[in-house]
Amino acid sequence: MLMDAIRQSRIAIVLFSKCYADSRWCLQELLEILKCNRELRGHGHEVIPTFYDVEPSEFRSKSGAFGKGFRRSKARDKEEKEPWKVALVEAGTLSVWHLENDANAYIVTSCIPLP
């Protein structure tokens, strides 16, 4: 059901947080979002990677708390690690929003429960 919603969406806002890479579910969703983006780019589909409480440099280098979560996910799901790694690299090449402690971050945290 969620994957169908991803396929039918025109905009996908991917909220990368410190815990994002710990979630197999989030990483699988990212694969589907980016697949749709490749297939539908230019036909009304947009992906907006957004960083909350994680530095884009930590995301790209898989360091800090984000990197620790990614290493845990790779250890749990060895067969999935390469597609996830490729998807994270691809997401890192897209135009991004970086939210820190400002009004935009407040909007995100009031709409989306974060651990």
C-alpha atoms as a PDB file:
ATOM      1  CA  MET A   1       0.000   0.000   0.000  1.00  0.00           C
ATOM      2  CA  LEU A   2       2.753   2.466   0.915  1.00  0.00           C
ATOM      3  CA  MET A   3       4.764   1.563  -2.178  1.00  0.00           C
ATOM      4  CA  ASP A   4       1.668   2.288  -4.300  1.00  0.00           C
ATOM      5  CA  ALA A   5       1.360   5.683  -2.625  1.00  0.00           C
ATOM      6  CA  ILE A   6       5.019   6.395  -3.417  1.00  0.00           C
ATOM      7  CA  ARG A   7       4.456   5.493  -7.082  1.00  0.00           C
ATOM      8  CA  GLN A   8       1.407   7.762  -7.302  1.00  0.00           C
ATOM      9  CA  SER A   9       3.005  10.734  -5.543  1.00  0.00           C
ATOM     10  CA  ARG A  10       4.258  13.738  -7.457  1.00  0.00           C
ATOM     11  CA  ILE A  11       6.598  14.910  -4.695  1.00  0.00           C
ATOM     12  CA  ALA A  12       8.607  12.814  -2.261  1.00  0.00           C
ATOM     13  CA  ILE A  13      10.209  14.581   0.686  1.00  0.00           C
ATOM     14  CA  VAL A  14      12.790  12.232   2.177  1.00  0.00           C
ATOM     15  CA  LEU A  15      13.616  13.284   5.739  1.00  0.00           C
ATOM     16  CA  PHE A  16      17.097  12.061   6.621  1.00  0.00           C
ATOM     17  CA  SER A  17      17.713  12.062  10.374  1.00  0.00           C
ATOM     18  CA  LYS A  18      20.393  10.459  12.534  1.00  0.00           C
ATOM     19  CA  CYS A  19      18.281   7.295  12.838  1.00  0.00           C
ATOM     20  CA  TYR A  20      17.198   7.053   9.182  1.00  0.00           C
ATOM     21  CA  ALA A  21      19.823   4.521   8.102  1.00  0.00           C
ATOM     22  CA  ASP A  22      18.945   2.270  11.065  1.00  0.00           C
ATOM     23  CA  SER A  23      15.588   1.552   9.454  1.00  0.00           C
ATOM     24  CA  ARG A  24      15.411  -1.173   6.821  1.00  0.00           C
ATOM     25  CA  TRP A  25      11.925   0.085   5.973  1.00  0.00           C
ATOM     26  CA  CYS A  26      13.156   3.641   5.319  1.00  0.00           C
ATOM     27  CA  LEU A  27      15.981   2.370   3.124  1.00  0.00           C
ATOM     28  CA  GLN A  28      13.568   0.188   1.115  1.00  0.00           C
ATOM     29  CA  GLU A  29      11.243   3.175   0.653  1.00  0.00           C
ATOM     30  CA  LEU A  30      14.193   5.248  -0.544  1.00  0.00           C
ATOM     31  CA  LEU A  31      14.951   2.618  -3.197  1.00  0.00           C
ATOM     32  CA  GLU A  32      11.362   2.859  -4.473  1.00  0.00           C
ATOM     33  CA  ILE A  33      11.311   6.673  -4.354  1.00  0.00           C
ATOM     34  CA  LEU A  34      14.508   6.918  -6.385  1.00  0.00           C
ATOM     35  CA  LYS A  35      13.311   4.270  -8.844  1.00  0.00           C
ATOM     36  CA  CYS A  36      10.184   6.356  -9.449  1.00  0.00           C
ATOM     37  CA  ASN A  37      12.314   9.470  -9.765  1.00  0.00           C
ATOM     38  CA  ARG A  38      14.458   7.873 -12.482  1.00  0.00           C
ATOM     39  CA  GLU A  39      11.400   6.602 -14.360  1.00  0.00           C
ATOM     40  CA  LEU A  40       9.219   9.704 -14.001  1.00  0.00           C
ATOM     41  CA  ARG A  41      11.719  12.583 -13.857  1.00  0.00           C
ATOM     42  CA  GLY A  42      10.440  15.362 -16.065  1.00  0.00           C
ATOM     43  CA  HIS A  43       6.879  14.035 -15.833  1.00  0.00           C
ATOM     44  CA  GLY A  44       5.842  15.772 -12.641  1.00  0.00           C
ATOM     45  CA  HIS A  45       7.808  13.730 -10.090  1.00  0.00           C
ATOM     46  CA  GLU A  46      10.221  15.449  -7.711  1.00  0.00           C
ATOM     47  CA  VAL A  47      12.370  14.154  -4.846  1.00  0.00           C
ATOM     48  CA  ILE A  48      13.446  16.577  -2.124  1.00  0.00           C
ATOM     49  CA  PRO A  49      16.056  15.137   0.250  1.00  0.00           C
ATOM     50  CA  THR A  50      15.858  16.972   3.575  1.00  0.00           C
ATOM     51  CA  PHE A  51      18.385  16.749   6.392  1.00  0.00           C
ATOM     52  CA  TYR A  52      17.192  17.109   9.974  1.00  0.00           C
ATOM     53  CA  ASP A  53      19.676  16.978  12.829  1.00  0.00           C
ATOM     54  CA  VAL A  54      22.301  15.395  10.578  1.00  0.00           C
ATOM     55  CA  GLU A  55      24.923  17.209   8.538  1.00  0.00           C
ATOM     56  CA  PRO A  56      24.856  16.584   4.786  1.00  0.00           C
ATOM     57  CA  SER A  57      28.591  15.838   5.002  1.00  0.00           C
ATOM     58  CA  GLU A  58      27.901  13.049   7.566  1.00  0.00           C
ATOM     59  CA  PHE A  59      25.257  11.683   5.226  1.00  0.00           C
ATOM     60  CA  ARG A  60      27.538  11.683   2.188  1.00  0.00           C
ATOM     61  CA  SER A  61      30.529  10.188   4.019  1.00  0.00           C
ATOM     62  CA  LYS A  62      28.399   7.778   6.115  1.00  0.00           C
ATOM     63  CA  SER A  63      30.051   9.107   9.273  1.00  0.00           C
ATOM     64  CA  GLY A  64      28.757  10.207  12.680  1.00  0.00           C
ATOM     65  CA  ALA A  65      25.457   8.857  14.006  1.00  0.00           C
ATOM     66  CA  PHE A  66      24.095   8.441  10.483  1.00  0.00           C
ATOM     67  CA  GLY A  67      27.092   6.301   9.494  1.00  0.00           C
ATOM     68  CA  LYS A  68      26.765   4.137  12.603  1.00  0.00           C
ATOM     69  CA  GLY A  69      23.150   3.411  11.732  1.00  0.00           C
ATOM     70  CA  PHE A  70      24.068   2.558   8.160  1.00  0.00           C
ATOM     71  CA  ARG A  71      26.795   0.152   9.308  1.00  0.00           C
ATOM     72  CA  ARG A  72      24.292  -1.567  11.637  1.00  0.00           C
ATOM     73  CA  SER A  73      21.822  -1.935   8.757  1.00  0.00           C
ATOM     74  CA  LYS A  74      24.510  -3.357   6.477  1.00  0.00           C
ATOM     75  CA  ALA A  75      25.476  -5.902   9.138  1.00  0.00           C
ATOM     76  CA  ARG A  76      21.833  -7.005   9.567  1.00  0.00           C
ATOM     77  CA  ASP A  77      20.946  -7.129   5.876  1.00  0.00           C
ATOM     78  CA  LYS A  78      24.117  -8.003   3.986  1.00  0.00           C
ATOM     79  CA  GLU A  79      22.326  -8.758   0.707  1.00  0.00           C
ATOM     80  CA  GLU A  80      20.714  -5.302   0.631  1.00  0.00           C
ATOM     81  CA  LYS A  81      23.759  -3.198   1.455  1.00  0.00           C
ATOM     82  CA  GLU A  82      24.881  -2.408  -2.104  1.00  0.00           C
ATOM     83  CA  PRO A  83      21.476  -1.168  -3.385  1.00  0.00           C
ATOM     84  CA  TRP A  84      21.093   0.944  -0.235  1.00  0.00           C
ATOM     85  CA  LYS A  85      24.576   2.393  -0.616  1.00  0.00           C
ATOM     86  CA  VAL A  86      23.892   3.288  -4.261  1.00  0.00           C
ATOM     87  CA  ALA A  87      20.539   4.864  -3.307  1.00  0.00           C
ATOM     88  CA  LEU A  88      22.127   6.980  -0.576  1.00  0.00           C
ATOM     89  CA  VAL A  89      24.814   8.193  -2.987  1.00  0.00           C
ATOM     90  CA  GLU A  90      22.135   9.042  -5.560  1.00  0.00           C
ATOM     91  CA  ALA A  91      20.032  10.892  -2.978  1.00  0.00           C
ATOM     92  CA  GLY A  92      23.125  12.854  -1.950  1.00  0.00           C
ATOM     93  CA  THR A  93      23.499  14.217  -5.479  1.00  0.00           C
ATOM     94  CA  LEU A  94      20.023  15.784  -5.535  1.00  0.00           C
ATOM     95  CA  SER A  95      19.257  19.334  -4.418  1.00  0.00           C
ATOM     96  CA  VAL A  96      18.648  19.265  -0.670  1.00  0.00           C
ATOM     97  CA  TRP A  97      17.112  21.137   2.227  1.00  0.00           C
ATOM     98  CA  HIS A  98      19.164  21.308   5.393  1.00  0.00           C
ATOM     99  CA  LEU A  99      17.079  22.030   8.494  1.00  0.00           C
ATOM    100  CA  GLU A 100      18.744  23.095  11.691  1.00  0.00           C
ATOM    101  CA  ASN A 101      17.250  24.744  14.750  1.00  0.00           C
ATOM    102  CA  ASP A 102      15.103  27.238  12.888  1.00  0.00           C
ATOM    103  CA  ALA A 103      11.455  27.722  11.995  1.00  0.00           C
ATOM    104  CA  ASN A 104      11.596  25.073   9.257  1.00  0.00           C
ATOM    105  CA  ALA A 105      12.897  22.493  11.704  1.00  0.00           C
ATOM    106  CA  TYR A 106      10.009  23.345  14.031  1.00  0.00           C
ATOM    107  CA  ILE A 107       7.546  22.689  11.213  1.00  0.00           C
ATOM    108  CA  VAL A 108       9.079  19.276  10.538  1.00  0.00           C
ATOM    109  CA  THR A 109       9.161  18.203  14.174  1.00  0.00           C
ATOM    110  CA  SER A 110       5.590  19.324  14.746  1.00  0.00           C
ATOM    111  CA  CYS A 111       4.359  17.269  11.756  1.00  0.00           C
ATOM    112  CA  ILE A 112       6.550  14.177  11.951  1.00  0.00           C
ATOM    113  CA  PRO A 113       7.290  12.321  15.189  1.00  0.00           C
ATOM    114  CA  LEU A 114      11.010  11.634  15.442  1.00  0.00           C
ATOM    115  CA  PRO A 115      12.642   9.233  17.914  1.00  0.00           C
END
